[in-house]
């Protein structure tokens, strides 16, 4: 697992996926919880309202992951001499 996160390109691709999922959750939560005019069960309403909280959280996590990966990719790589 640590090997996956030590590669900056893997983290950059993962951050793109996290950003996409966060945006989809936020938009679906806003539409379902506030804009949809039909009747929904209480479980569905609670889930949609939770998505409006979890979605932006994933956006923030994905954005920080993206910034860290881009920062690590911009630094020159030094060869390790063993």
PDB file of N, CA and C in Angstrom:
ATOM      1  N   UNK A   1       0.834  -1.194   0.000  1.00  0.00           N
ATOM      2  CA  UNK A   1       0.000   0.000   0.000  1.00  0.00           C
ATOM      3  C   UNK A   1       0.874   1.250   0.000  1.00  0.00           C
ATOM      4  N   UNK A   2       1.946   1.242   0.813  1.00  0.00           N
ATOM      5  CA  UNK A   2       2.826   2.399   0.856  1.00  0.00           C
ATOM      6  C   UNK A   2       3.500   2.612  -0.500  1.00  0.00           C
ATOM      7  N   UNK A   3       3.794   1.515  -1.201  1.00  0.00           N
ATOM      8  CA  UNK A   3       4.432   1.628  -2.513  1.00  0.00           C
ATOM      9  C   UNK A   3       3.509   2.349  -3.508  1.00  0.00           C
ATOM     10  N   UNK A   4       2.203   2.120  -3.397  1.00  0.00           N
ATOM     11  CA  UNK A   4       1.249   2.789  -4.280  1.00  0.00           C
ATOM     12  C   UNK A   4       1.285   4.297  -4.074  1.00  0.00           C
ATOM     13  N   UNK A   5       1.306   4.743  -2.812  1.00  0.00           N
ATOM     14  CA  UNK A   5       1.288   6.173  -2.523  1.00  0.00           C
ATOM     15  C   UNK A   5       2.659   6.830  -2.662  1.00  0.00           C
ATOM     16  N   UNK A   6       3.718   6.052  -2.766  1.00  0.00           N
ATOM     17  CA  UNK A   6       5.034   6.659  -2.965  1.00  0.00           C
ATOM     18  C   UNK A   6       5.240   7.078  -4.420  1.00  0.00           C
ATOM     19  N   UNK A   7       4.436   6.548  -5.330  1.00  0.00           N
ATOM     20  CA  UNK A   7       4.504   6.935  -6.735  1.00  0.00           C
ATOM     21  C   UNK A   7       3.557   8.120  -6.958  1.00  0.00           C
ATOM     22  N   UNK A   8       4.107   9.248  -7.324  1.00  0.00           N
ATOM     23  CA  UNK A   8       3.317  10.469  -7.477  1.00  0.00           C
ATOM     24  C   UNK A   8       2.295  10.380  -8.595  1.00  0.00           C
ATOM     25  N   UNK A   9       2.601   9.646  -9.634  1.00  0.00           N
ATOM     26  CA  UNK A   9       1.637   9.508 -10.737  1.00  0.00           C
ATOM     27  C   UNK A   9       0.404   8.719 -10.292  1.00  0.00           C
ATOM     28  N   UNK A  10       0.587   7.704  -9.462  1.00  0.00           N
ATOM     29  CA  UNK A  10      -0.557   6.962  -8.934  1.00  0.00           C
ATOM     30  C   UNK A  10      -1.444   7.875  -8.092  1.00  0.00           C
ATOM     31  N   UNK A  11      -0.817   8.701  -7.270  1.00  0.00           N
ATOM     32  CA  UNK A  11      -1.573   9.616  -6.417  1.00  0.00           C
ATOM     33  C   UNK A  11      -2.308  10.644  -7.269  1.00  0.00           C
ATOM     34  N   UNK A  12      -1.690  11.088  -8.346  1.00  0.00           N
ATOM     35  CA  UNK A  12      -2.332  12.053  -9.233  1.00  0.00           C
ATOM     36  C   UNK A  12      -3.566  11.442  -9.905  1.00  0.00           C
ATOM     37  N   UNK A  13      -3.469  10.205 -10.368  1.00  0.00           N
ATOM     38  CA  UNK A  13      -4.626   9.535 -10.987  1.00  0.00           C
ATOM     39  C   UNK A  13      -5.723   9.271  -9.951  1.00  0.00           C
ATOM     40  N   UNK A  14      -5.317   8.857  -8.747  1.00  0.00           N
ATOM     41  CA  UNK A  14      -6.297   8.617  -7.695  1.00  0.00           C
ATOM     42  C   UNK A  14      -7.008   9.907  -7.301  1.00  0.00           C
ATOM     43  N   UNK A  15      -6.270  11.008  -7.267  1.00  0.00           N
ATOM     44  CA  UNK A  15      -6.886  12.284  -6.899  1.00  0.00           C
ATOM     45  C   UNK A  15      -7.923  12.712  -7.938  1.00  0.00           C
ATOM     46  N   UNK A  16      -7.674  12.420  -9.205  1.00  0.00           N
ATOM     47  CA  UNK A  16      -8.664  12.736 -10.238  1.00  0.00           C
ATOM     48  C   UNK A  16      -9.943  11.947 -10.033  1.00  0.00           C
ATOM     49  N   UNK A  17      -9.801  10.695  -9.658  1.00  0.00           N
ATOM     50  CA  UNK A  17     -10.988   9.866  -9.402  1.00  0.00           C
ATOM     51  C   UNK A  17     -11.740  10.346  -8.160  1.00  0.00           C
ATOM     52  N   UNK A  18     -11.003  10.695  -7.115  1.00  0.00           N
ATOM     53  CA  UNK A  18     -11.644  11.183  -5.883  1.00  0.00           C
ATOM     54  C   UNK A  18     -12.372  12.497  -6.162  1.00  0.00           C
ATOM     55  N   UNK A  19     -11.770  13.373  -6.947  1.00  0.00           N
ATOM     56  CA  UNK A  19     -12.429  14.628  -7.316  1.00  0.00           C
ATOM     57  C   UNK A  19     -13.706  14.367  -8.119  1.00  0.00           C
ATOM     58  N   UNK A  20     -13.655  13.444  -9.037  1.00  0.00           N
ATOM     59  CA  UNK A  20     -14.839  13.118  -9.842  1.00  0.00           C
ATOM     60  C   UNK A  20     -15.964  12.527  -9.007  1.00  0.00           C
ATOM     61  N   UNK A  21     -15.625  11.609  -8.110  1.00  0.00           N
ATOM     62  CA  UNK A  21     -16.640  11.006  -7.250  1.00  0.00           C
ATOM     63  C   UNK A  21     -17.229  12.040  -6.308  1.00  0.00           C
ATOM     64  N   UNK A  22     -16.368  12.906  -5.757  1.00  0.00           N
ATOM     65  CA  UNK A  22     -16.858  13.956  -4.865  1.00  0.00           C
ATOM     66  C   UNK A  22     -17.801  14.913  -5.566  1.00  0.00           C
ATOM     67  N   UNK A  23     -17.467  15.298  -6.779  1.00  0.00           N
ATOM     68  CA  UNK A  23     -18.330  16.201  -7.540  1.00  0.00           C
ATOM     69  C   UNK A  23     -19.658  15.533  -7.879  1.00  0.00           C
ATOM     70  N   UNK A  24     -19.596  14.260  -8.283  1.00  0.00           N
ATOM     71  CA  UNK A  24     -20.830  13.539  -8.607  1.00  0.00           C
ATOM     72  C   UNK A  24     -21.726  13.403  -7.370  1.00  0.00           C
ATOM     73  N   UNK A  25     -21.125  13.099  -6.226  1.00  0.00           N
ATOM     74  CA  UNK A  25     -21.910  12.975  -4.996  1.00  0.00           C
ATOM     75  C   UNK A  25     -22.535  14.311  -4.600  1.00  0.00           C
ATOM     76  N   UNK A  26     -21.772  15.378  -4.726  1.00  0.00           N
ATOM     77  CA  UNK A  26     -22.296  16.695  -4.374  1.00  0.00           C
ATOM     78  C   UNK A  26     -23.470  17.077  -5.271  1.00  0.00           C
ATOM     79  N   UNK A  27     -23.300  16.913  -6.574  1.00  0.00           N
ATOM     80  CA  UNK A  27     -24.365  17.290  -7.499  1.00  0.00           C
ATOM     81  C   UNK A  27     -25.605  16.413  -7.339  1.00  0.00           C
ATOM     82  N   UNK A  28     -25.409  15.112  -7.158  1.00  0.00           N
ATOM     83  CA  UNK A  28     -26.548  14.215  -6.950  1.00  0.00           C
ATOM     84  C   UNK A  28     -27.249  14.535  -5.630  1.00  0.00           C
ATOM     85  N   UNK A  29     -26.484  14.841  -4.604  1.00  0.00           N
ATOM     86  CA  UNK A  29     -27.076  15.187  -3.317  1.00  0.00           C
ATOM     87  C   UNK A  29     -27.864  16.478  -3.366  1.00  0.00           C
ATOM     88  N   UNK A  30     -27.328  17.474  -4.043  1.00  0.00           N
ATOM     89  CA  UNK A  30     -28.047  18.749  -4.170  1.00  0.00           C
ATOM     90  C   UNK A  30     -29.331  18.559  -4.963  1.00  0.00           C
ATOM     91  N   UNK A  31     -29.236  17.830  -6.069  1.00  0.00           N
ATOM     92  CA  UNK A  31     -30.434  17.627  -6.886  1.00  0.00           C
ATOM     93  C   UNK A  31     -31.489  16.839  -6.115  1.00  0.00           C
ATOM     94  N   UNK A  32     -31.092  15.745  -5.529  1.00  0.00           N
ATOM     95  CA  UNK A  32     -32.057  14.890  -4.855  1.00  0.00           C
ATOM     96  C   UNK A  32     -32.621  15.474  -3.578  1.00  0.00           C
ATOM     97  N   UNK A  33     -31.786  16.176  -2.821  1.00  0.00           N
ATOM     98  CA  UNK A  33     -32.230  16.681  -1.525  1.00  0.00           C
ATOM     99  C   UNK A  33     -32.987  18.000  -1.642  1.00  0.00           C
ATOM    100  N   UNK A  34     -32.642  18.835  -2.624  1.00  0.00           N
ATOM    101  CA  UNK A  34     -33.211  20.169  -2.672  1.00  0.00           C
ATOM    102  C   UNK A  34     -34.022  20.483  -3.927  1.00  0.00           C
ATOM    103  N   UNK A  35     -33.713  19.868  -5.051  1.00  0.00           N
ATOM    104  CA  UNK A  35     -34.355  20.249  -6.308  1.00  0.00           C
ATOM    105  C   UNK A  35     -35.408  19.260  -6.787  1.00  0.00           C
ATOM    106  N   UNK A  36     -35.293  18.005  -6.407  1.00  0.00           N
ATOM    107  CA  UNK A  36     -36.232  16.977  -6.865  1.00  0.00           C
ATOM    108  C   UNK A  36     -37.590  17.198  -6.211  1.00  0.00           C
ATOM    109  N   UNK A  37     -38.635  17.202  -7.001  1.00  0.00           N
ATOM    110  CA  UNK A  37     -39.967  17.509  -6.499  1.00  0.00           C
ATOM    111  C   UNK A  37     -40.780  16.305  -6.069  1.00  0.00           C
ATOM    112  N   UNK A  38     -40.291  15.107  -6.336  1.00  0.00           N
ATOM    113  CA  UNK A  38     -41.052  13.906  -6.000  1.00  0.00           C
ATOM    114  C   UNK A  38     -40.935  13.528  -4.532  1.00  0.00           C
ATOM    115  N   UNK A  39     -41.663  12.504  -4.157  1.00  0.00           N
ATOM    116  CA  UNK A  39     -41.642  12.019  -2.788  1.00  0.00           C
ATOM    117  C   UNK A  39     -40.572  10.947  -2.642  1.00  0.00           C
ATOM    118  N   UNK A  40     -39.763  11.082  -1.602  1.00  0.00           N
ATOM    119  CA  UNK A  40     -38.712  10.115  -1.313  1.00  0.00           C
ATOM    120  C   UNK A  40     -38.872   9.620   0.114  1.00  0.00           C
ATOM    121  N   UNK A  41     -38.352   8.432   0.379  1.00  0.00           N
ATOM    122  CA  UNK A  41     -38.388   7.914   1.740  1.00  0.00           C
ATOM    123  C   UNK A  41     -37.409   8.693   2.612  1.00  0.00           C
ATOM    124  N   UNK A  42     -37.570   8.558   3.908  1.00  0.00           N
ATOM    125  CA  UNK A  42     -36.697   9.284   4.829  1.00  0.00           C
ATOM    126  C   UNK A  42     -35.251   8.794   4.714  1.00  0.00           C
ATOM    127  N   UNK A  43     -35.071   7.513   4.439  1.00  0.00           N
ATOM    128  CA  UNK A  43     -33.715   6.970   4.272  1.00  0.00           C
ATOM    129  C   UNK A  43     -33.049   7.597   3.049  1.00  0.00           C
ATOM    130  N   UNK A  44     -33.788   7.728   1.965  1.00  0.00           N
ATOM    131  CA  UNK A  44     -33.230   8.340   0.761  1.00  0.00           C
ATOM    132  C   UNK A  44     -32.905   9.811   1.007  1.00  0.00           C
ATOM    133  N   UNK A  45     -33.779  10.521   1.706  1.00  0.00           N
ATOM    134  CA  UNK A  45     -33.509  11.939   1.993  1.00  0.00           C
ATOM    135  C   UNK A  45     -32.287  12.123   2.879  1.00  0.00           C
ATOM    136  N   UNK A  46     -32.167  11.287   3.892  1.00  0.00           N
ATOM    137  CA  UNK A  46     -30.990  11.379   4.770  1.00  0.00           C
ATOM    138  C   UNK A  46     -29.727  11.054   3.986  1.00  0.00           C
ATOM    139  N   UNK A  47     -29.788  10.059   3.119  1.00  0.00           N
ATOM    140  CA  UNK A  47     -28.626   9.706   2.299  1.00  0.00           C
ATOM    141  C   UNK A  47     -28.237  10.846   1.356  1.00  0.00           C
ATOM    142  N   UNK A  48     -29.223  11.474   0.751  1.00  0.00           N
ATOM    143  CA  UNK A  48     -28.934  12.578  -0.162  1.00  0.00           C
ATOM    144  C   UNK A  48     -28.364  13.788   0.579  1.00  0.00           C
ATOM    145  N   UNK A  49     -28.881  14.067   1.767  1.00  0.00           N
ATOM    146  CA  UNK A  49     -28.320  15.162   2.552  1.00  0.00           C
ATOM    147  C   UNK A  49     -26.894  14.830   3.017  1.00  0.00           C
ATOM    148  N   UNK A  50     -26.640  13.565   3.317  1.00  0.00           N
ATOM    149  CA  UNK A  50     -25.283  13.158   3.692  1.00  0.00           C
ATOM    150  C   UNK A  50     -24.328  13.306   2.512  1.00  0.00           C
ATOM    151  N   UNK A  51     -24.842  13.073   1.304  1.00  0.00           N
ATOM    152  CA  UNK A  51     -23.994  13.227   0.121  1.00  0.00           C
ATOM    153  C   UNK A  51     -23.569  14.681  -0.076  1.00  0.00           C
ATOM    154  N   UNK A  52     -24.387  15.629   0.374  1.00  0.00           N
ATOM    155  CA  UNK A  52     -23.994  17.035   0.252  1.00  0.00           C
ATOM    156  C   UNK A  52     -22.900  17.393   1.248  1.00  0.00           C
ATOM    157  N   UNK A  53     -22.645  16.533   2.220  1.00  0.00           N
ATOM    158  CA  UNK A  53     -21.548  16.743   3.163  1.00  0.00           C
ATOM    159  C   UNK A  53     -20.315  15.948   2.739  1.00  0.00           C
ATOM    160  N   UNK A  54     -20.519  14.694   2.358  1.00  0.00           N
ATOM    161  CA  UNK A  54     -19.402  13.826   1.989  1.00  0.00           C
ATOM    162  C   UNK A  54     -18.794  14.252   0.648  1.00  0.00           C
ATOM    163  N   UNK A  55     -19.612  14.715  -0.282  1.00  0.00           N
ATOM    164  CA  UNK A  55     -19.119  15.146  -1.589  1.00  0.00           C
ATOM    165  C   UNK A  55     -18.069  16.257  -1.501  1.00  0.00           C
ATOM    166  N   UNK A  56     -18.358  17.375  -0.818  1.00  0.00           N
ATOM    167  CA  UNK A  56     -17.330  18.411  -0.684  1.00  0.00           C
ATOM    168  C   UNK A  56     -16.099  17.954   0.108  1.00  0.00           C
ATOM    169  N   UNK A  57     -16.298  17.036   1.047  1.00  0.00           N
ATOM    170  CA  UNK A  57     -15.157  16.498   1.784  1.00  0.00           C
ATOM    171  C   UNK A  57     -14.228  15.746   0.843  1.00  0.00           C
ATOM    172  N   UNK A  58     -14.795  14.938  -0.042  1.00  0.00           N
ATOM    173  CA  UNK A  58     -13.973  14.234  -1.025  1.00  0.00           C
ATOM    174  C   UNK A  58     -13.310  15.202  -2.000  1.00  0.00           C
ATOM    175  N   UNK A  59     -14.014  16.279  -2.340  1.00  0.00           N
ATOM    176  CA  UNK A  59     -13.402  17.298  -3.202  1.00  0.00           C
ATOM    177  C   UNK A  59     -12.164  17.899  -2.552  1.00  0.00           C
ATOM    178  N   UNK A  60     -12.253  18.196  -1.278  1.00  0.00           N
ATOM    179  CA  UNK A  60     -11.113  18.786  -0.568  1.00  0.00           C
ATOM    180  C   UNK A  60      -9.958  17.801  -0.463  1.00  0.00           C
ATOM    181  N   UNK A  61     -10.271  16.547  -0.132  1.00  0.00           N
ATOM    182  CA  UNK A  61      -9.218  15.533  -0.029  1.00  0.00           C
ATOM    183  C   UNK A  61      -8.560  15.305  -1.386  1.00  0.00           C
ATOM    184  N   UNK A  62      -9.346  15.197  -2.435  1.00  0.00           N
ATOM    185  CA  UNK A  62      -8.796  15.006  -3.773  1.00  0.00           C
ATOM    186  C   UNK A  62      -7.952  16.174  -4.232  1.00  0.00           C
ATOM    187  N   UNK A  63      -8.363  17.385  -3.874  1.00  0.00           N
ATOM    188  CA  UNK A  63      -7.600  18.564  -4.276  1.00  0.00           C
ATOM    189  C   UNK A  63      -6.253  18.614  -3.561  1.00  0.00           C
ATOM    190  N   UNK A  64      -6.232  18.290  -2.283  1.00  0.00           N
ATOM    191  CA  UNK A  64      -4.963  18.277  -1.540  1.00  0.00           C
ATOM    192  C   UNK A  64      -4.050  17.172  -2.075  1.00  0.00           C
ATOM    193  N   UNK A  65      -4.614  16.009  -2.374  1.00  0.00           N
ATOM    194  CA  UNK A  65      -3.810  14.941  -2.970  1.00  0.00           C
ATOM    195  C   UNK A  65      -3.215  15.387  -4.297  1.00  0.00           C
ATOM    196  N   UNK A  66      -4.005  16.094  -5.101  1.00  0.00           N
ATOM    197  CA  UNK A  66      -3.536  16.584  -6.402  1.00  0.00           C
ATOM    198  C   UNK A  66      -2.400  17.590  -6.226  1.00  0.00           C
ATOM    199  N   UNK A  67      -2.548  18.504  -5.276  1.00  0.00           N
ATOM    200  CA  UNK A  67      -1.500  19.492  -5.034  1.00  0.00           C
ATOM    201  C   UNK A  67      -0.196  18.826  -4.581  1.00  0.00           C
ATOM    202  N   UNK A  68      -0.312  17.859  -3.673  1.00  0.00           N
ATOM    203  CA  UNK A  68       0.885  17.165  -3.201  1.00  0.00           C
ATOM    204  C   UNK A  68       1.562  16.378  -4.318  1.00  0.00           C
ATOM    205  N   UNK A  69       0.766  15.695  -5.134  1.00  0.00           N
ATOM    206  CA  UNK A  69       1.343  14.921  -6.233  1.00  0.00           C
ATOM    207  C   UNK A  69       2.016  15.835  -7.251  1.00  0.00           C
ATOM    208  N   UNK A  70       1.390  16.948  -7.588  1.00  0.00           N
ATOM    209  CA  UNK A  70       2.001  17.874  -8.543  1.00  0.00           C
ATOM    210  C   UNK A  70       3.265  18.508  -7.972  1.00  0.00           C
ATOM    211  N   UNK A  71       3.260  18.773  -6.684  1.00  0.00           N
ATOM    212  CA  UNK A  71       4.454  19.332  -6.049  1.00  0.00           C
ATOM    213  C   UNK A  71       5.597  18.326  -6.084  1.00  0.00           C
ATOM    214  N   UNK A  72       5.284  17.052  -5.791  1.00  0.00           N
ATOM    215  CA  UNK A  72       6.324  16.024  -5.819  1.00  0.00           C
ATOM    216  C   UNK A  72       6.817  15.762  -7.236  1.00  0.00           C
ATOM    217  N   UNK A  73       5.938  15.884  -8.231  1.00  0.00           N
ATOM    218  CA  UNK A  73       6.364  15.672  -9.622  1.00  0.00           C
ATOM    219  C   UNK A  73       7.211  16.831 -10.146  1.00  0.00           C
ATOM    220  N   UNK A  74       7.037  18.017  -9.589  1.00  0.00           N
ATOM    221  CA  UNK A  74       7.800  19.168 -10.073  1.00  0.00           C
ATOM    222  C   UNK A  74       9.223  19.179  -9.536  1.00  0.00           C
ATOM    223  N   UNK A  75       9.485  18.462  -8.459  1.00  0.00           N
ATOM    224  CA  UNK A  75      10.842  18.403  -7.904  1.00  0.00           C
ATOM    225  C   UNK A  75      11.691  17.437  -8.722  1.00  0.00           C
ATOM    226  N   UNK A  76      12.977  17.762  -8.911  1.00  0.00           N
ATOM    227  CA  UNK A  76      13.842  16.829  -9.646  1.00  0.00           C
ATOM    228  C   UNK A  76      14.088  15.576  -8.798  1.00  0.00           C
ATOM    229  N   UNK A  77      14.126  14.432  -9.470  1.00  0.00           N
ATOM    230  CA  UNK A  77      14.343  13.168  -8.787  1.00  0.00           C
ATOM    231  C   UNK A  77      15.840  12.928  -8.637  1.00  0.00           C
ATOM    232  N   UNK A  78      16.268  12.558  -7.415  1.00  0.00           N
ATOM    233  CA  UNK A  78      17.662  12.248  -7.146  1.00  0.00           C
ATOM    234  C   UNK A  78      17.830  10.747  -7.125  1.00  0.00           C
ATOM    235  N   UNK A  79      18.901  10.285  -7.721  1.00  0.00           N
ATOM    236  CA  UNK A  79      19.177   8.855  -7.736  1.00  0.00           C
ATOM    237  C   UNK A  79      19.675   8.417  -6.358  1.00  0.00           C
ATOM    238  N   UNK A  80      19.188   7.283  -5.912  1.00  0.00           N
ATOM    239  CA  UNK A  80      19.601   6.746  -4.630  1.00  0.00           C
ATOM    240  C   UNK A  80      20.790   5.834  -4.876  1.00  0.00           C
ATOM    241  N   UNK A  81      21.897   6.112  -4.186  1.00  0.00           N
ATOM    242  CA  UNK A  81      23.104   5.305  -4.327  1.00  0.00           C
ATOM    243  C   UNK A  81      23.163   4.348  -3.144  1.00  0.00           C
ATOM    244  N   UNK A  82      23.217   3.053  -3.449  1.00  0.00           N
ATOM    245  CA  UNK A  82      23.249   2.062  -2.361  1.00  0.00           C
ATOM    246  C   UNK A  82      24.574   1.382  -2.279  1.00  0.00           C
TER     247      UNK A  82
END
